[in-house]
Amino acid sequence: KAKNPHLKIVVALGGWTFSDPGPWQDISPSLTSKKENRATLINNLLGYLSQYGYNGSTGIVTDWECPSADDRGGSDRDGKNYVDLMKELREAINTSGRDYIVTFTAPSSYWYLRHFDLKGMEAHVDWINLVSYDLHGVWDSDNPIGNQVLSHTNLTKIDYALDLISFWRVGVEPSSIVLGLGFYGRSLELESASCWKPGCAFQGPGSPGRCSNAAGILSYPRSWKQVPDKTGRTPYFDEAAAAARYMVYDGHSWISFDDAETFQMKIDYARKMSLHGLMIWAIDLDTPNLEVPRAIS
C-alpha cells in the first residue's frame, strides 16, 4: 500500500484443503446453514475488515470447494445457502456504508460446478473467479474412463464450461468472469515410461518439486526451466487440450503446465470473450524476479 495506494486487498476464505476430510470439512456447510450462523460470520468479517481494511480498499473472496459435493462433505442445501450468504453479506456491506469487494471462486469442472447457483450469486458480487486449472490430477485415479494423464489446464474445457454447461446458459455476463491462470504444473507418475502421451495410464502423483516440496505439484522454476535443462526434452503442445504444455521428467513423471505462449492463448481468449480480467494462483509459486507476470504481461 505504501508503494501503491490504489492496491486493493481481499481476504480469502476457504480453499481446497479446507473441505478435505477432517475437522474443517463441516465448517462451510455449518456456517451457511442457518441465518443466525451466517449473521455471525458476516459480523465477524465486517469487524475484521473494519479493523484491517486499509480505508475500505479491500474485500472478501470466498473459495468453497465445493458446495453440495458428496465427496467434499457437502449437503443438498449448500447451493441455496451459498446464495443467501452472498446476498446477506452484500446487504450488510451496503448498510455499513462501506464499499467492500465481494467475489467468489467457481470451478470449471461440471462435476462441482453444477451445484452453484451462478446467476443467483452473480447479483451480489463484483465478479466471479473461474478456475482454469486443476481440471485433472491424481484424483482421476477413480475416474470411470480410467487413470489417464491429461492436462490439468485445458482451454477447450474452459470454453465448454462457460458456453455449454453453466455460465452463459443461465445468463451470467462475460464481464462478471475473471479467468484464473495457474503458476505451477501438475505431475503424475506414469505406469510405463514408454507410454507418455495424453491418455496413457498413471499410478500416482509425480515426484515432489524442490520448491513446492509436494508430490504432484511443481512450481514455476521447476516446471519451465530446470526440467528441460536436466532431461534435454522439449515440452509438447497439447493439441487436444489447447493452451497447455506437457513433458516427461525424471524418466517417469509426466507434467502439464502453461508457458508464455499458452498463457497468451488464454489472455487472447479472455479478450475475445470480453471477460472482466485475469487472476493468478499463486504468486509464491513464481520465481523471485517474477518471470511469470512478465510472461503474461
Protein backbone atom coordinates (compact mmCIF):
# COMPACT_ATOMS: atom_id res chain seq x y z
CA LYS A 1 0.00 0.00 0.00
CA ALA A 2 2.91 2.35 0.70
CA LYS A 3 4.20 1.81 -2.85
CA ASN A 4 0.77 1.68 -4.50
CA PRO A 5 -2.06 3.42 -2.60
CA HIS A 6 -4.56 2.13 -5.18
CA LEU A 7 -3.81 -1.51 -4.35
CA LYS A 8 -6.90 -3.45 -3.25
CA ILE A 9 -6.55 -6.43 -0.90
CA VAL A 10 -9.21 -9.10 -0.50
CA VAL A 11 -9.31 -11.64 2.32
CA ALA A 12 -9.77 -15.23 1.11
CA LEU A 13 -11.91 -17.76 2.96
CA GLY A 14 -11.77 -21.48 2.28
CA GLY A 15 -9.68 -23.37 -0.25
CA TRP A 16 -9.48 -26.99 -1.41
CA THR A 17 -7.89 -28.44 1.72
CA PHE A 18 -10.47 -26.65 3.88
CA SER A 19 -13.03 -29.17 2.60
CA ASP A 20 -10.76 -32.21 2.86
CA PRO A 21 -11.94 -34.98 5.20
CA GLY A 22 -11.12 -33.89 8.73
CA PRO A 23 -12.07 -31.36 11.41
CA TRP A 24 -12.60 -28.45 8.98
CA GLN A 25 -14.80 -30.16 6.42
CA ASP A 26 -18.10 -29.28 8.10
CA ILE A 27 -17.25 -25.63 8.73
CA SER A 28 -18.54 -24.12 5.45
CA PRO A 29 -21.82 -26.10 5.40
CA SER A 30 -22.38 -25.30 9.08
CA LEU A 31 -21.56 -21.58 8.82
CA THR A 32 -24.04 -21.11 5.98
CA SER A 33 -26.79 -23.50 7.12
CA LYS A 34 -28.79 -21.01 9.22
CA LYS A 35 -29.45 -17.29 9.02
CA GLU A 36 -28.08 -16.72 12.53
CA ASN A 37 -24.88 -18.59 11.63
CA ARG A 38 -24.44 -16.50 8.51
CA ALA A 39 -25.09 -13.32 10.50
CA THR A 40 -22.35 -14.24 12.98
CA LEU A 41 -19.91 -14.91 10.15
CA ILE A 42 -20.79 -11.67 8.37
CA ASN A 43 -20.46 -9.59 11.54
CA ASN A 44 -17.05 -11.11 12.22
CA LEU A 45 -15.93 -10.49 8.65
CA LEU A 46 -17.03 -6.86 8.65
CA GLY A 47 -15.39 -6.34 12.04
CA TYR A 48 -12.15 -7.77 10.69
CA LEU A 49 -12.29 -5.65 7.53
CA SER A 50 -13.09 -2.53 9.55
CA GLN A 51 -10.04 -3.11 11.72
CA TYR A 52 -7.64 -4.06 8.91
CA GLY A 53 -9.46 -2.64 5.89
CA TYR A 54 -6.96 -0.09 4.61
CA ASN A 55 -9.58 2.65 4.34
CA GLY A 56 -12.10 0.45 2.56
CA SER A 57 -9.86 -0.67 -0.33
CA THR A 58 -10.36 -4.31 0.45
CA GLY A 59 -12.94 -7.07 0.44
CA ILE A 60 -13.70 -10.77 0.62
CA VAL A 61 -13.30 -13.71 -1.75
CA THR A 62 -14.95 -16.98 -0.77
CA ASP A 63 -13.47 -20.21 -2.09
CA TRP A 64 -15.81 -23.01 -1.05
CA GLU A 65 -14.62 -26.21 -2.76
CA CYS A 66 -17.27 -27.31 -3.26
CA PRO A 67 -20.89 -26.82 -2.06
CA SER A 68 -23.26 -29.82 -2.21
CA ALA A 69 -20.50 -32.16 -3.41
CA ASP A 70 -20.78 -35.54 -1.71
CA ASP A 71 -17.03 -36.13 -1.87
CA ARG A 72 -16.33 -32.75 -0.28
CA GLY A 73 -18.64 -33.04 2.73
CA GLY A 74 -21.48 -31.10 1.12
CA SER A 75 -25.23 -31.17 1.71
CA ASP A 76 -28.20 -30.63 -0.61
CA ARG A 77 -28.90 -27.14 0.80
CA ASP A 78 -25.40 -25.77 0.27
CA GLY A 79 -26.15 -24.17 -3.10
CA LYS A 80 -29.08 -22.11 -1.80
CA ASN A 81 -27.29 -21.30 1.45
CA TYR A 82 -24.30 -20.01 -0.50
CA VAL A 83 -26.54 -17.60 -2.41
CA ASP A 84 -28.09 -16.46 0.88
CA LEU A 85 -24.61 -15.82 2.30
CA MET A 86 -23.64 -13.63 -0.66
CA LYS A 87 -26.96 -11.76 -0.53
CA GLU A 88 -26.83 -11.11 3.20
CA LEU A 89 -23.15 -10.17 3.05
CA ARG A 90 -23.82 -7.62 0.33
CA GLU A 91 -26.80 -6.20 2.27
CA ALA A 92 -24.69 -5.87 5.41
CA ILE A 93 -21.92 -4.10 3.48
CA ASN A 94 -24.41 -1.67 1.95
CA THR A 95 -25.87 -0.95 5.39
CA SER A 96 -22.39 -0.34 6.80
CA GLY A 97 -21.73 2.39 4.26
CA ARG A 98 -18.54 0.68 3.13
CA ASP A 99 -17.63 -0.27 -0.43
CA TYR A 100 -16.00 -3.65 0.09
CA ILE A 101 -15.33 -6.01 -2.81
CA VAL A 102 -17.25 -9.31 -2.72
CA THR A 103 -16.30 -12.17 -5.04
CA PHE A 104 -16.22 -15.96 -5.08
CA THR A 105 -14.33 -18.72 -6.87
CA ALA A 106 -16.00 -21.27 -9.16
CA PRO A 107 -14.55 -24.42 -10.75
CA SER A 108 -14.51 -25.28 -14.46
CA SER A 109 -15.41 -28.90 -13.74
CA TYR A 110 -19.10 -29.63 -14.32
CA TRP A 111 -19.00 -32.25 -11.54
CA TYR A 112 -18.59 -29.44 -8.99
CA LEU A 113 -19.94 -26.50 -10.97
CA ARG A 114 -23.43 -27.99 -11.24
CA HIS A 115 -24.14 -27.26 -7.57
CA PHE A 116 -23.51 -23.49 -7.89
CA ASP A 117 -26.46 -21.12 -8.44
CA LEU A 118 -24.27 -18.89 -10.57
CA LYS A 119 -26.91 -16.40 -11.64
CA GLY A 120 -28.25 -16.13 -8.11
CA MET A 121 -24.80 -15.36 -6.77
CA GLU A 122 -23.78 -13.03 -9.60
CA ALA A 123 -26.35 -10.46 -8.47
CA HIS A 124 -24.50 -9.92 -5.19
CA VAL A 125 -20.81 -9.99 -6.18
CA ASP A 126 -18.38 -7.78 -8.07
CA TRP A 127 -17.06 -10.65 -10.16
CA ILE A 128 -16.64 -14.44 -10.30
CA ASN A 129 -13.20 -16.09 -10.28
CA LEU A 130 -13.20 -19.04 -12.72
CA VAL A 131 -10.51 -21.65 -12.00
CA SER A 132 -8.96 -22.76 -15.29
CA TYR A 133 -6.52 -25.20 -13.69
CA ASP A 134 -6.69 -28.45 -11.65
CA LEU A 135 -9.15 -29.90 -14.18
CA HIS A 136 -7.24 -33.18 -13.96
CA GLY A 137 -4.84 -34.69 -11.45
CA VAL A 138 -4.14 -37.65 -9.21
CA TRP A 139 -7.80 -37.62 -8.10
CA ASP A 140 -8.65 -39.01 -11.55
CA SER A 141 -7.41 -42.42 -10.37
CA ASP A 142 -11.07 -43.35 -9.72
CA ASN A 143 -12.34 -41.86 -12.98
CA PRO A 144 -14.65 -44.27 -14.88
CA ILE A 145 -12.73 -43.60 -18.11
CA GLY A 146 -9.53 -44.71 -16.42
CA ASN A 147 -6.46 -43.24 -14.71
CA GLN A 148 -5.23 -41.23 -17.69
CA VAL A 149 -2.64 -38.45 -17.80
CA LEU A 150 -4.48 -35.35 -19.02
CA SER A 151 -3.54 -31.67 -18.91
CA HIS A 152 -4.64 -30.02 -15.69
CA THR A 153 -5.41 -26.82 -17.61
CA ASN A 154 -7.48 -27.06 -20.76
CA LEU A 155 -8.86 -24.14 -22.77
CA THR A 156 -11.27 -26.42 -24.63
CA LYS A 157 -12.91 -27.47 -21.36
CA ILE A 158 -12.87 -23.92 -20.01
CA ASP A 159 -14.76 -22.75 -23.07
CA TYR A 160 -17.14 -25.68 -22.68
CA ALA A 161 -17.78 -24.79 -19.03
CA LEU A 162 -18.58 -21.19 -19.94
CA ASP A 163 -20.55 -21.81 -23.13
CA LEU A 164 -22.35 -25.10 -22.80
CA ILE A 165 -22.59 -26.07 -19.15
CA SER A 166 -23.47 -23.28 -16.80
CA PHE A 167 -22.38 -19.68 -17.19
CA TRP A 168 -23.80 -18.34 -20.45
CA ARG A 169 -26.82 -20.64 -20.38
CA VAL A 170 -28.01 -19.22 -17.07
CA GLY A 171 -27.35 -15.65 -18.17
CA VAL A 172 -24.09 -14.84 -16.39
CA GLU A 173 -22.46 -11.86 -18.09
CA PRO A 174 -18.94 -12.31 -19.53
CA SER A 175 -17.98 -9.07 -17.78
CA SER A 176 -18.57 -10.88 -14.47
CA ILE A 177 -15.90 -13.53 -15.12
CA VAL A 178 -12.23 -13.32 -14.08
CA LEU A 179 -10.19 -16.12 -15.67
CA GLY A 180 -7.67 -17.84 -13.41
CA LEU A 181 -4.15 -18.77 -14.52
CA GLY A 182 -2.02 -21.35 -12.70
CA PHE A 183 1.64 -20.56 -11.96
CA TYR A 184 2.54 -24.22 -11.49
CA GLY A 185 2.39 -27.65 -13.12
CA ARG A 186 0.52 -30.82 -12.10
CA SER A 187 2.55 -34.02 -12.36
CA LEU A 188 1.72 -37.72 -12.39
CA GLU A 189 3.76 -40.93 -12.16
CA LEU A 190 3.45 -42.91 -15.39
CA GLU A 191 2.64 -46.61 -15.25
CA SER A 192 5.09 -47.11 -18.11
CA ALA A 193 7.82 -44.74 -19.24
CA SER A 194 7.22 -45.93 -22.79
CA CYS A 195 3.64 -44.57 -22.79
CA TRP A 196 3.80 -40.85 -22.04
CA LYS A 197 1.30 -39.04 -24.29
CA PRO A 198 -2.08 -37.74 -23.04
CA GLY A 199 -4.35 -40.70 -22.39
CA CYS A 200 -1.62 -43.01 -21.09
CA ALA A 201 -2.05 -44.53 -17.63
CA PHE A 202 -0.64 -43.14 -14.39
CA GLN A 203 -0.18 -44.76 -11.00
CA GLY A 204 0.10 -41.83 -8.61
CA PRO A 205 1.43 -38.29 -8.20
CA GLY A 206 4.70 -37.26 -9.80
CA SER A 207 7.97 -36.71 -7.97
CA PRO A 208 7.88 -33.80 -5.47
CA GLY A 209 9.19 -30.48 -6.67
CA ARG A 210 12.21 -28.94 -4.96
CA CYS A 211 10.36 -25.66 -4.42
CA SER A 212 6.83 -26.92 -3.78
CA ASN A 213 8.01 -29.89 -1.67
CA ALA A 214 4.74 -31.61 -2.60
CA ALA A 215 4.17 -34.71 -4.72
CA GLY A 216 2.28 -33.89 -7.91
CA ILE A 217 2.98 -30.14 -7.93
CA LEU A 218 5.92 -28.30 -9.48
CA SER A 219 6.30 -24.55 -9.14
CA TYR A 220 7.31 -22.30 -12.00
CA PRO A 221 11.13 -22.63 -11.91
CA ARG A 222 10.95 -26.43 -11.71
CA SER A 223 8.26 -26.78 -14.37
CA TRP A 224 9.60 -24.46 -17.04
CA LYS A 225 13.35 -24.19 -16.59
CA GLN A 226 15.09 -26.86 -14.55
CA VAL A 227 13.22 -29.83 -16.02
CA PRO A 228 14.12 -29.24 -19.69
CA ASP A 229 17.72 -28.45 -18.76
CA LYS A 230 18.10 -31.78 -16.93
CA THR A 231 16.25 -34.05 -19.34
CA GLY A 232 17.01 -32.45 -22.68
CA ARG A 233 13.36 -32.87 -23.65
CA THR A 234 11.29 -30.19 -25.31
CA PRO A 235 7.77 -29.59 -23.93
CA TYR A 236 5.00 -30.72 -26.27
CA PHE A 237 1.96 -28.64 -27.14
CA ASP A 238 -1.24 -30.44 -26.15
CA GLU A 239 -3.40 -30.08 -29.28
CA ALA A 240 -6.48 -31.68 -27.73
CA ALA A 241 -6.44 -29.63 -24.55
CA ALA A 242 -5.47 -26.39 -26.32
CA ALA A 243 -3.31 -23.87 -24.49
CA ALA A 244 -1.28 -26.37 -22.46
CA ARG A 245 2.18 -27.97 -22.50
CA TYR A 246 3.27 -31.38 -21.27
CA MET A 247 6.52 -33.28 -20.91
CA VAL A 248 8.24 -36.11 -19.01
CA TYR A 249 10.88 -35.53 -16.35
CA ASP A 250 12.95 -37.83 -14.14
CA GLY A 251 12.22 -40.57 -16.68
CA HIS A 252 8.73 -41.45 -15.45
CA SER A 253 6.97 -38.31 -14.18
CA TRP A 254 4.54 -36.55 -16.53
CA ILE A 255 3.69 -32.88 -16.12
CA SER A 256 1.26 -30.42 -17.73
CA PHE A 257 1.69 -26.65 -17.39
CA ASP A 258 1.40 -23.24 -19.04
CA ASP A 259 4.20 -21.21 -20.58
CA ALA A 260 4.36 -17.76 -22.17
CA GLU A 261 2.71 -18.99 -25.39
CA THR A 262 -0.17 -20.85 -23.73
CA PHE A 263 -0.70 -18.02 -21.24
CA GLN A 264 -1.08 -15.72 -24.23
CA MET A 265 -3.69 -18.03 -25.74
CA LYS A 266 -5.74 -17.77 -22.55
CA ILE A 267 -5.27 -13.99 -22.46
CA ASP A 268 -6.43 -13.76 -26.08
CA TYR A 269 -9.46 -15.90 -25.19
CA ALA A 270 -10.33 -13.62 -22.25
CA ARG A 271 -10.13 -10.58 -24.53
CA LYS A 272 -12.19 -12.25 -27.24
CA MET A 273 -14.92 -13.15 -24.74
CA SER A 274 -14.78 -9.67 -23.09
CA LEU A 275 -14.13 -11.17 -19.66
CA HIS A 276 -13.64 -8.97 -16.60
CA GLY A 277 -9.95 -9.79 -16.19
CA LEU A 278 -7.38 -12.33 -15.02
CA MET A 279 -6.24 -13.76 -11.71
CA ILE A 280 -3.24 -15.93 -10.79
CA TRP A 281 -2.57 -18.82 -8.43
CA ALA A 282 -0.25 -18.17 -6.89
CA ILE A 283 2.42 -15.52 -6.65
CA ASP A 284 4.58 -17.58 -4.27
CA LEU A 285 4.95 -20.25 -6.98
CA ASP A 286 6.74 -17.80 -9.25
CA THR A 287 10.48 -17.08 -9.42
CA PRO A 288 11.99 -14.35 -7.18
CA ASN A 289 12.22 -11.99 -10.17
CA LEU A 290 8.55 -12.56 -11.14
CA GLU A 291 9.10 -14.21 -14.51
CA VAL A 292 5.51 -15.38 -14.99
CA PRO A 293 3.85 -11.96 -14.62
CA ARG A 294 6.30 -10.73 -17.23
CA ALA A 295 5.27 -13.64 -19.46
CA ILE A 296 1.57 -12.76 -19.21
CA SER A 297 2.03 -9.01 -19.48
